[in-house]
Protein backbone atom coordinates (compact mmCIF):
# COMPACT_ATOMS: atom_id res chain seq x y z
CA MET A 1 76.77 -83.67 -4.55
CA HIS A 2 77.86 -80.11 -5.00
CA ALA A 3 75.56 -79.72 -8.01
CA VAL A 4 72.62 -81.02 -6.01
CA GLU A 5 73.23 -78.47 -3.27
CA GLU A 6 73.31 -75.70 -5.85
CA GLN A 7 70.00 -76.88 -7.28
CA VAL A 8 68.49 -76.99 -3.79
CA ASP A 9 69.76 -73.48 -3.12
CA ARG A 10 68.24 -72.22 -6.38
CA LEU A 11 64.99 -73.97 -5.56
CA GLU A 12 64.88 -72.38 -2.10
CA GLU A 13 65.66 -69.01 -3.63
CA LEU A 14 62.85 -69.49 -6.19
CA ILE A 15 60.43 -70.56 -3.45
CA MET A 16 61.39 -67.51 -1.38
CA LYS A 17 60.91 -65.27 -4.38
CA ILE A 18 57.51 -66.82 -5.12
CA ALA A 19 56.57 -66.49 -1.46
CA TYR A 20 57.68 -62.86 -1.42
CA GLU A 21 55.70 -62.05 -4.58
CA HIS A 22 52.70 -63.91 -3.16
CA LEU A 23 52.99 -61.86 0.02
CA ASN A 24 53.17 -58.63 -2.01
CA THR A 25 50.18 -59.78 -4.04
CA GLU A 26 48.26 -60.49 -0.84
CA MET A 27 49.12 -57.05 0.52
CA GLU A 28 48.05 -55.40 -2.74
CA LEU A 29 44.84 -57.41 -2.71
CA GLN A 30 44.18 -56.33 0.87
CA LYS A 31 44.80 -52.69 -0.06
CA LEU A 32 42.54 -53.09 -3.04
CA ALA A 33 39.89 -54.71 -0.87
CA LYS A 34 40.14 -51.83 1.60
CA ASN A 35 39.82 -49.33 -1.24
CA VAL A 36 36.83 -51.23 -2.60
CA ASN A 37 35.23 -51.27 0.84
CA ARG A 38 35.91 -47.56 1.29
CA PHE A 39 34.54 -46.87 -2.16
CA GLN A 40 31.45 -48.96 -1.43
CA LEU A 41 31.01 -47.10 1.87
CA GLU A 42 31.40 -43.74 0.16
CA MET A 43 28.94 -44.80 -2.54
CA HIS A 44 26.53 -45.88 0.16
CA GLU A 45 26.92 -42.52 1.91
CA PHE A 46 26.56 -40.76 -1.43
CA LYS A 47 23.35 -42.70 -2.10
CA ASP A 48 22.07 -41.72 1.35
CA GLU A 49 22.96 -38.09 0.68
CA MET A 50 21.24 -38.26 -2.70
CA LYS A 51 18.19 -39.76 -1.03
CA ASP A 52 18.21 -36.96 1.54
CA PHE A 53 18.64 -34.43 -1.26
CA LYS A 54 15.73 -35.94 -3.18
CA ASP A 55 13.63 -35.86 -0.02
CA GLU A 56 14.58 -32.21 0.53
CA MET A 57 13.73 -31.40 -3.09
CA LYS A 58 10.40 -33.15 -2.65
CA ASP A 59 9.76 -31.10 0.50
CA PHE A 60 10.81 -27.97 -1.40
CA LYS A 61 8.47 -28.80 -4.26
CA ASP A 62 5.67 -29.41 -1.77
CA GLU A 63 6.42 -26.09 -0.08
CA MET A 64 6.45 -24.34 -3.46
CA LYS A 65 3.13 -25.95 -4.30
CA ASP A 66 1.72 -24.80 -0.97
CA PHE A 67 3.16 -21.32 -1.62
CA LYS A 68 1.59 -21.21 -5.09
CA ASP A 69 -1.72 -22.35 -3.63
CA GLU A 70 -1.47 -19.66 -0.95
CA MET A 71 -0.64 -17.05 -3.58
CA LYS A 72 -3.60 -18.20 -5.65
CA ASP A 73 -5.85 -17.96 -2.59
CA PHE A 74 -4.34 -14.55 -1.77
CA LYS A 75 -4.98 -13.27 -5.29
CA GLU A 76 -8.54 -14.59 -5.20
CA GLU A 77 -9.07 -13.00 -1.78
CA SER A 78 -7.53 -9.74 -3.02
CA ARG A 79 -9.83 -9.73 -6.03
CA ALA A 80 -12.78 -10.44 -3.78
CA GLU A 81 -11.73 -7.70 -1.35
CA GLN A 82 -11.16 -5.29 -4.24
CA LYS A 83 -14.57 -6.13 -5.62
CA ALA A 84 -16.12 -5.58 -2.20
CA MET A 85 -14.16 -2.35 -1.79
CA ASN A 86 -15.32 -1.12 -5.18
CA LYS A 87 -18.86 -1.92 -4.16
CA ARG A 88 -18.44 -0.02 -0.89
CA TRP A 89 -16.90 2.91 -2.74
CA GLY A 90 -19.80 2.83 -5.14
CA GLU A 91 -22.24 2.85 -2.26
CA LEU A 92 -20.27 5.63 -0.62
CA ALA A 93 -20.22 7.59 -3.87
CA ASN A 94 -23.98 7.29 -4.05
CA LYS A 95 -24.23 8.33 -0.43
CA LEU A 96 -21.94 11.29 -1.06
CA GLY A 97 -24.74 12.67 -3.19
CA THR A 98 -26.44 13.49 0.12
CA VAL A 99 -23.36 14.23 2.22
CA VAL A 100 -23.79 17.94 1.60
CA GLU A 101 -27.36 17.86 2.88
CA ASP A 102 -26.79 15.28 5.65
CA ILE A 103 -23.43 16.31 7.09
CA VAL A 104 -21.88 19.39 5.55
CA ALA A 105 -24.90 21.70 5.66
CA PRO A 106 -25.80 21.26 9.36
CA ASN A 107 -22.14 21.47 10.36
CA THR A 108 -21.70 24.64 8.33
CA ARG A 109 -24.47 26.20 10.44
CA ARG A 110 -22.75 25.04 13.62
CA ILE A 111 -19.32 26.28 12.50
CA ALA A 112 -20.77 29.69 11.63
CA ARG A 113 -22.26 29.82 15.11
CA GLU A 114 -19.35 28.45 17.15
CA TYR A 115 -16.34 29.83 15.29
CA PHE A 116 -17.64 33.08 13.81
CA ASP A 117 -20.24 34.10 16.37
CA CYS A 118 -23.17 33.96 13.94
CA PRO A 119 -26.11 32.56 15.90
CA GLU A 120 -28.56 33.53 13.16
CA LEU A 121 -28.17 33.27 9.39
CA ASP A 122 -29.77 35.74 7.01
CA PHE A 123 -29.56 33.32 4.13
CA PHE A 124 -28.76 29.61 3.85
CA ALA A 125 -28.95 27.45 0.74
CA VAL A 126 -27.69 24.06 -0.38
CA ARG A 127 -26.70 23.17 -3.94
CA VAL A 128 -27.26 26.59 -5.39
CA ASP A 129 -27.28 26.48 -9.18
CA LYS A 130 -26.36 30.05 -10.06
CA ARG A 131 -26.02 31.81 -13.38
CA LYS A 132 -23.57 34.67 -13.75
CA PRO A 133 -25.68 37.86 -14.11
CA ASP A 134 -23.47 39.44 -16.77
CA ASP A 135 -22.87 36.14 -18.62
CA PRO A 136 -25.97 33.89 -18.77
CA SER A 137 -23.94 31.13 -20.44
CA ALA A 138 -21.78 30.75 -17.31
CA ARG A 139 -23.33 28.59 -14.59
CA ARG A 140 -21.90 27.07 -11.43
CA GLU A 141 -23.22 24.96 -8.60
CA PHE A 142 -22.34 26.04 -5.05
CA ASP A 143 -22.62 23.33 -2.42
CA VAL A 144 -23.48 25.60 0.50
CA VAL A 145 -23.90 29.36 0.63
CA ALA A 146 -24.73 31.08 3.92
CA VAL A 147 -24.89 34.75 4.82
CA ALA A 148 -24.76 36.29 8.28
CA GLY A 149 -24.39 40.06 8.50
CA ASP A 150 -21.15 41.00 6.78
CA LEU A 151 -19.98 37.40 6.43
CA VAL A 152 -20.60 35.09 3.49
CA PHE A 153 -19.81 31.38 3.95
CA LEU A 154 -18.94 29.45 0.81
CA ASN A 155 -18.61 25.69 1.17
CA GLU A 156 -17.00 23.55 -1.53
CA THR A 157 -17.46 19.82 -0.87
CA LYS A 158 -15.54 17.06 -2.64
CA SER A 159 -15.88 13.30 -2.22
CA THR A 160 -12.27 12.85 -3.36
CA VAL A 161 -9.58 15.38 -2.57
CA ARG A 162 -7.42 15.87 -5.64
CA GLU A 163 -4.76 18.53 -5.88
CA SER A 164 -6.44 19.92 -9.01
CA TYR A 165 -9.68 20.44 -7.03
CA VAL A 166 -7.78 22.21 -4.28
CA ARG A 167 -5.92 24.48 -6.69
CA GLU A 168 -9.10 25.31 -8.62
CA PHE A 169 -10.90 26.32 -5.43
CA ILE A 170 -7.92 28.38 -4.23
CA GLU A 171 -7.85 30.18 -7.59
CA PHE A 172 -11.62 30.73 -7.50
CA VAL A 173 -11.36 32.27 -4.04
CA ASN A 174 -8.29 34.37 -4.80
CA ASN A 175 -9.90 35.79 -7.95
CA LYS A 176 -13.00 36.73 -5.93
CA ALA A 177 -15.00 34.99 -8.67
CA PHE A 178 -17.74 34.21 -6.14
CA PHE A 179 -18.91 37.81 -6.29
CA ASP A 180 -19.23 37.58 -10.07
CA TYR A 181 -22.10 35.17 -9.41
CA PHE A 182 -23.38 36.95 -6.31
CA PRO A 183 -22.75 40.66 -6.91
CA GLU A 184 -25.35 41.41 -4.25
CA TYR A 185 -22.84 40.27 -1.62
CA ALA A 186 -19.99 42.46 -2.85
CA GLY A 187 -18.26 44.18 0.05
CA LYS A 188 -18.93 41.33 2.49
CA ARG A 189 -16.17 39.16 3.88
CA LEU A 190 -15.97 35.75 2.21
CA ILE A 191 -15.34 32.76 4.49
CA PRO A 192 -14.26 29.89 2.19
CA LEU A 193 -14.65 26.34 3.46
CA PHE A 194 -13.28 23.26 1.70
CA ALA A 195 -15.03 20.11 2.95
CA SER A 196 -14.45 16.39 2.56
CA LEU A 197 -14.76 13.35 4.79
CA SER A 198 -10.96 13.18 4.95
CA VAL A 199 -8.36 15.70 3.75
CA PRO A 200 -4.65 14.75 3.50
CA ASP A 201 -2.25 16.83 5.55
CA ASP A 202 -0.44 18.25 2.52
CA LYS A 203 -3.75 19.51 1.09
CA VAL A 204 -4.67 21.00 4.47
CA LYS A 205 -1.38 22.94 4.41
CA MET A 206 -2.09 24.19 0.88
CA LEU A 207 -5.55 25.41 1.85
CA SER A 208 -4.35 26.91 5.12
CA LYS A 209 -1.66 28.86 3.29
CA ALA A 210 -4.36 30.22 0.96
CA GLY A 211 -6.52 31.29 3.93
CA ILE A 212 -9.17 28.62 3.32
CA TYR A 213 -10.72 26.67 6.19
CA VAL A 214 -10.87 22.89 5.94
CA MET A 215 -13.85 20.87 7.15
CA ALA A 216 -13.22 17.17 7.73
CA MET A 217 -14.53 14.34 9.84
CA THR A 218 -13.20 14.12 13.39
CA ASP A 219 -14.09 11.47 15.97
CA THR A 220 -17.69 12.58 16.20
CA THR A 221 -18.58 15.05 13.44
CA MET A 222 -17.19 17.42 10.83
CA ASP A 223 -15.13 20.25 12.19
CA LEU A 224 -12.55 22.82 11.16
CA VAL A 225 -9.19 21.08 11.30
CA ASN A 226 -7.08 24.16 10.55
CA TYR A 227 -8.96 26.99 12.26
CA GLY A 228 -5.93 28.11 14.28
CA ASP A 229 -3.63 28.15 11.25
CA VAL A 230 -6.00 30.24 9.12
CA ALA A 231 -7.24 32.51 11.88
CA LYS A 232 -3.77 33.72 12.79
CA SER A 233 -2.61 34.09 9.18
């Protein structure tokens, strides 16, 4: 009887041990199931994020394509505008062939009258092709030459104002080279005028410092834009 009780006790102990291990196994399986569920959820979220990322990349690619198309259109428009601008500049360059006659010449008369009190001109000529009397090989074209009493107006007109043009004219005036071509006007006061449709401020300052008047377009017509600066110098 005692041996039977011992066997029953061992059996109960074995059953308890099996039950305990089964319980641990169940708990581990539950933990594993939770981890699997969490992993599946994270994978699902990751897939959603990847989908969103792919959608964003697609939108980005579409935006880049639109940007490239816009840049292509911009370049084509720029080329077209540049072509049109070149055409307009070409037309303007052709027109500038008559700017001296159409704009500069009549305004030179007016400036002589209004600024220098010369209502009448003794001599007025446009595009004077003059040979140097003591050197027949030296020729020069003068855009406008006007004479009134003791004053001689010399107008140099340029379609484009480059610093080299400005410096050349300043040197020509300072060297009194004009009178080498027109010795008959020696002793008269030279009034130099540099004319262009538009003259940058820095070039105006250069010419003003050299005592040369600048003619440029204002709101209505060509006028002296630095009369005060030169007159008081």
